[in-house]
Amino acid sequence: MTRQRYTLFLCYHLQMAGINCFPILYPVVPKGFSRIRIVFHAGNTEEEVEKLANSICEWAQEMLELEASGKGVKVPSAARQVHAAQEAAAQAP
């Protein structure tokens, strides 16, 4: 099972790193079983593969640090940036 919102958090992080991916959420999959579809193909370079792996590791490290901090805020930086952009877009005329 996946943790609530973590799928979106990772997806935001990867998208902001320039990696083409999409969240697969309920009702497409059962609740608690969300996943990410990463667009990956034979034309990807070794550098792109390393970028993907490093981006996932960076996100995981940030999430571990947020959880270990004991602070109430457990929203990673990419998600905060996306939410700020969404709020700004909603307030634009």
N, C-alpha and C. Protein backbone atom coordinates (compact mmCIF):
# COMPACT_ATOMS: atom_id res chain seq x y z
N MET A 1 0.84 -1.18 0.00
CA MET A 1 0.00 0.00 0.00
C MET A 1 0.89 1.24 0.00
N THR A 2 0.38 2.29 -0.61
CA THR A 2 1.12 3.55 -0.66
C THR A 2 0.60 4.51 0.40
N ARG A 3 1.46 5.35 0.87
CA ARG A 3 1.05 6.34 1.86
C ARG A 3 0.25 7.44 1.17
N GLN A 4 -0.74 7.93 1.89
CA GLN A 4 -1.61 8.96 1.34
C GLN A 4 -0.78 10.15 0.87
N ARG A 5 -1.00 10.60 -0.30
CA ARG A 5 -0.39 11.76 -0.94
C ARG A 5 1.04 11.55 -1.42
N TYR A 6 1.72 10.50 -0.99
CA TYR A 6 3.12 10.32 -1.40
C TYR A 6 3.25 10.13 -2.90
N THR A 7 2.30 9.49 -3.52
CA THR A 7 2.35 9.31 -4.97
C THR A 7 2.38 10.68 -5.66
N LEU A 8 1.50 11.58 -5.23
CA LEU A 8 1.50 12.92 -5.82
C LEU A 8 2.79 13.66 -5.50
N PHE A 9 3.26 13.54 -4.27
CA PHE A 9 4.50 14.22 -3.89
C PHE A 9 5.66 13.78 -4.78
N LEU A 10 5.80 12.49 -5.00
CA LEU A 10 6.88 11.99 -5.86
C LEU A 10 6.67 12.43 -7.30
N CYS A 11 5.44 12.38 -7.75
CA CYS A 11 5.15 12.79 -9.12
C CYS A 11 5.51 14.27 -9.34
N TYR A 12 5.14 15.13 -8.40
CA TYR A 12 5.51 16.56 -8.49
C TYR A 12 7.02 16.71 -8.55
N HIS A 13 7.72 15.99 -7.69
CA HIS A 13 9.18 16.08 -7.63
C HIS A 13 9.80 15.68 -8.98
N LEU A 14 9.34 14.58 -9.54
CA LEU A 14 9.89 14.11 -10.81
C LEU A 14 9.55 15.07 -11.95
N GLN A 15 8.32 15.56 -11.98
CA GLN A 15 7.93 16.50 -13.03
C GLN A 15 8.75 17.77 -12.96
N MET A 16 9.01 18.26 -11.75
CA MET A 16 9.81 19.48 -11.62
C MET A 16 11.26 19.24 -12.01
N ALA A 17 11.69 17.99 -11.98
CA ALA A 17 13.04 17.63 -12.43
C ALA A 17 13.08 17.40 -13.95
N GLY A 18 11.92 17.56 -14.60
CA GLY A 18 11.87 17.39 -16.05
C GLY A 18 11.62 15.97 -16.50
N ILE A 19 11.13 15.13 -15.60
CA ILE A 19 10.87 13.73 -15.92
C ILE A 19 9.38 13.57 -16.21
N ASN A 20 9.07 12.96 -17.33
CA ASN A 20 7.69 12.80 -17.77
C ASN A 20 7.04 11.64 -17.03
N CYS A 21 6.09 11.96 -16.15
CA CYS A 21 5.40 10.93 -15.38
C CYS A 21 3.99 11.40 -15.03
N PHE A 22 3.16 10.43 -14.66
CA PHE A 22 1.76 10.72 -14.36
C PHE A 22 1.32 9.89 -13.17
N PRO A 23 0.56 10.47 -12.25
CA PRO A 23 0.04 9.67 -11.13
C PRO A 23 -1.13 8.80 -11.59
N ILE A 24 -1.19 7.60 -11.09
CA ILE A 24 -2.31 6.70 -11.34
C ILE A 24 -3.01 6.54 -9.99
N LEU A 25 -4.18 7.14 -9.87
CA LEU A 25 -4.88 7.24 -8.59
C LEU A 25 -6.24 6.57 -8.64
N TYR A 26 -6.87 6.43 -7.47
CA TYR A 26 -8.24 5.95 -7.37
C TYR A 26 -9.13 6.88 -8.19
N PRO A 27 -10.05 6.41 -8.98
CA PRO A 27 -10.64 5.09 -9.06
C PRO A 27 -10.02 4.18 -10.11
N VAL A 28 -8.92 4.61 -10.74
CA VAL A 28 -8.28 3.75 -11.74
C VAL A 28 -7.65 2.52 -11.06
N VAL A 29 -7.11 2.74 -9.88
CA VAL A 29 -6.58 1.64 -9.07
C VAL A 29 -7.28 1.68 -7.71
N PRO A 30 -7.29 0.59 -6.98
CA PRO A 30 -7.95 0.60 -5.66
C PRO A 30 -7.33 1.63 -4.72
N LYS A 31 -8.12 2.14 -3.78
CA LYS A 31 -7.60 3.07 -2.78
C LYS A 31 -6.43 2.42 -2.05
N GLY A 32 -5.38 3.22 -1.85
CA GLY A 32 -4.19 2.71 -1.17
C GLY A 32 -3.19 2.04 -2.08
N PHE A 33 -3.49 1.95 -3.36
CA PHE A 33 -2.60 1.28 -4.31
C PHE A 33 -2.22 2.19 -5.48
N SER A 34 -2.13 3.48 -5.23
CA SER A 34 -1.77 4.42 -6.29
C SER A 34 -0.33 4.14 -6.75
N ARG A 35 -0.02 4.61 -7.93
CA ARG A 35 1.30 4.39 -8.50
C ARG A 35 1.64 5.51 -9.46
N ILE A 36 2.83 5.49 -9.98
CA ILE A 36 3.28 6.50 -10.94
C ILE A 36 3.67 5.82 -12.23
N ARG A 37 3.18 6.36 -13.32
CA ARG A 37 3.59 5.87 -14.63
C ARG A 37 4.70 6.80 -15.12
N ILE A 38 5.87 6.24 -15.32
CA ILE A 38 7.01 7.00 -15.81
C ILE A 38 7.17 6.70 -17.28
N VAL A 39 7.28 7.74 -18.09
CA VAL A 39 7.46 7.56 -19.53
C VAL A 39 8.95 7.33 -19.77
N PHE A 40 9.26 6.10 -20.12
CA PHE A 40 10.63 5.64 -20.23
C PHE A 40 10.74 4.81 -21.50
N HIS A 41 11.78 4.98 -22.28
CA HIS A 41 11.90 4.26 -23.54
C HIS A 41 13.35 3.98 -23.88
N ALA A 42 13.57 3.20 -24.91
CA ALA A 42 14.92 2.79 -25.30
C ALA A 42 15.78 3.97 -25.73
N GLY A 43 15.16 5.10 -26.08
CA GLY A 43 15.92 6.26 -26.50
C GLY A 43 16.47 7.08 -25.35
N ASN A 44 16.11 6.75 -24.11
CA ASN A 44 16.65 7.48 -22.97
C ASN A 44 18.15 7.24 -22.86
N THR A 45 18.88 8.31 -22.55
CA THR A 45 20.33 8.18 -22.38
C THR A 45 20.66 7.68 -20.98
N GLU A 46 21.89 7.28 -20.81
CA GLU A 46 22.33 6.83 -19.49
C GLU A 46 22.21 7.98 -18.48
N GLU A 47 22.49 9.20 -18.93
CA GLU A 47 22.36 10.36 -18.05
C GLU A 47 20.92 10.57 -17.60
N GLU A 48 19.97 10.33 -18.49
CA GLU A 48 18.55 10.46 -18.13
C GLU A 48 18.13 9.39 -17.13
N VAL A 49 18.66 8.20 -17.30
CA VAL A 49 18.36 7.12 -16.36
C VAL A 49 18.93 7.47 -14.98
N GLU A 50 20.15 7.97 -14.95
CA GLU A 50 20.77 8.39 -13.69
C GLU A 50 20.00 9.55 -13.07
N LYS A 51 19.53 10.47 -13.89
CA LYS A 51 18.74 11.60 -13.38
C LYS A 51 17.47 11.09 -12.71
N LEU A 52 16.80 10.12 -13.32
CA LEU A 52 15.59 9.53 -12.73
C LEU A 52 15.91 8.89 -11.39
N ALA A 53 16.95 8.05 -11.36
CA ALA A 53 17.32 7.37 -10.11
C ALA A 53 17.70 8.37 -9.03
N ASN A 54 18.49 9.38 -9.39
CA ASN A 54 18.91 10.39 -8.42
C ASN A 54 17.72 11.20 -7.93
N SER A 55 16.79 11.52 -8.81
CA SER A 55 15.61 12.29 -8.40
C SER A 55 14.75 11.52 -7.42
N ILE A 56 14.58 10.23 -7.65
CA ILE A 56 13.81 9.41 -6.72
C ILE A 56 14.53 9.34 -5.37
N CYS A 57 15.84 9.18 -5.39
CA CYS A 57 16.61 9.12 -4.14
C CYS A 57 16.55 10.46 -3.40
N GLU A 58 16.63 11.57 -4.12
CA GLU A 58 16.53 12.89 -3.49
C GLU A 58 15.18 13.05 -2.79
N TRP A 59 14.12 12.65 -3.48
CA TRP A 59 12.77 12.76 -2.90
C TRP A 59 12.66 11.88 -1.66
N ALA A 60 13.14 10.65 -1.76
CA ALA A 60 13.07 9.73 -0.62
C ALA A 60 13.83 10.29 0.57
N GLN A 61 15.01 10.86 0.33
CA GLN A 61 15.79 11.45 1.41
C GLN A 61 15.05 12.62 2.05
N GLU A 62 14.45 13.47 1.23
CA GLU A 62 13.68 14.60 1.77
C GLU A 62 12.51 14.09 2.62
N MET A 63 11.82 13.06 2.16
CA MET A 63 10.69 12.53 2.92
C MET A 63 11.16 11.92 4.24
N LEU A 64 12.27 11.20 4.23
CA LEU A 64 12.81 10.63 5.46
C LEU A 64 13.18 11.72 6.46
N GLU A 65 13.78 12.80 5.96
CA GLU A 65 14.15 13.91 6.84
C GLU A 65 12.91 14.61 7.40
N LEU A 66 11.88 14.78 6.56
CA LEU A 66 10.64 15.40 7.05
C LEU A 66 10.00 14.54 8.14
N GLU A 67 9.97 13.25 7.93
CA GLU A 67 9.36 12.35 8.92
C GLU A 67 10.17 12.31 10.21
N ALA A 68 11.50 12.35 10.10
CA ALA A 68 12.36 12.29 11.28
C ALA A 68 12.36 13.60 12.06
N SER A 69 12.00 14.69 11.40
CA SER A 69 12.05 16.01 12.05
C SER A 69 11.04 16.14 13.18
N GLY A 70 9.96 15.38 13.11
CA GLY A 70 8.94 15.47 14.13
C GLY A 70 8.07 16.70 14.01
N LYS A 71 8.31 17.51 13.01
CA LYS A 71 7.51 18.71 12.79
C LYS A 71 6.19 18.32 12.15
N GLY A 72 5.20 19.16 12.33
CA GLY A 72 3.88 18.88 11.77
C GLY A 72 3.84 18.95 10.26
N VAL A 73 4.72 19.76 9.66
CA VAL A 73 4.71 19.94 8.20
C VAL A 73 5.47 18.80 7.56
N LYS A 74 4.75 18.01 6.77
CA LYS A 74 5.39 16.89 6.08
C LYS A 74 5.12 16.97 4.58
N VAL A 75 5.15 18.20 4.08
CA VAL A 75 4.92 18.42 2.65
C VAL A 75 6.27 18.79 2.04
N PRO A 76 6.75 18.01 1.08
CA PRO A 76 8.05 18.28 0.48
C PRO A 76 8.05 19.55 -0.37
N SER A 77 9.25 20.03 -0.67
CA SER A 77 9.40 21.31 -1.36
C SER A 77 8.70 21.34 -2.72
N ALA A 78 8.79 20.28 -3.51
CA ALA A 78 8.14 20.28 -4.83
C ALA A 78 6.63 20.44 -4.69
N ALA A 79 6.04 19.76 -3.72
CA ALA A 79 4.59 19.87 -3.51
C ALA A 79 4.21 21.28 -3.06
N ARG A 80 5.04 21.89 -2.21
CA ARG A 80 4.76 23.27 -1.80
C ARG A 80 4.82 24.21 -2.99
N GLN A 81 5.77 24.01 -3.89
CA GLN A 81 5.88 24.85 -5.09
C GLN A 81 4.67 24.67 -6.00
N VAL A 82 4.24 23.44 -6.18
CA VAL A 82 3.07 23.17 -7.03
C VAL A 82 1.82 23.80 -6.42
N HIS A 83 1.64 23.64 -5.12
CA HIS A 83 0.46 24.22 -4.46
C HIS A 83 0.47 25.75 -4.55
N ALA A 84 1.63 26.36 -4.41
CA ALA A 84 1.74 27.82 -4.53
C ALA A 84 1.39 28.27 -5.94
N ALA A 85 1.85 27.53 -6.94
CA ALA A 85 1.53 27.87 -8.33
C ALA A 85 0.04 27.70 -8.60
N GLN A 86 -0.57 26.67 -8.04
CA GLN A 86 -2.01 26.45 -8.22
C GLN A 86 -2.80 27.56 -7.57
N GLU A 87 -2.41 28.00 -6.40
CA GLU A 87 -3.10 29.10 -5.72
C GLU A 87 -2.97 30.39 -6.52
N ALA A 88 -1.78 30.66 -7.04
CA ALA A 88 -1.56 31.86 -7.83
C ALA A 88 -2.40 31.84 -9.10
N ALA A 89 -2.49 30.68 -9.73
CA ALA A 89 -3.28 30.55 -10.95
C ALA A 89 -4.78 30.73 -10.65
N ALA A 90 -5.21 30.26 -9.51
CA ALA A 90 -6.62 30.39 -9.14
C ALA A 90 -7.00 31.83 -8.85
N GLN A 91 -6.05 32.62 -8.40
CA GLN A 91 -6.31 34.01 -8.06
C GLN A 91 -6.09 34.96 -9.24
N ALA A 92 -5.50 34.47 -10.32
CA ALA A 92 -5.24 35.32 -11.49
C ALA A 92 -6.57 35.66 -12.17
N PRO A 93 -6.64 36.89 -12.70
CA PRO A 93 -7.90 37.31 -13.37
C PRO A 93 -8.16 36.57 -14.66
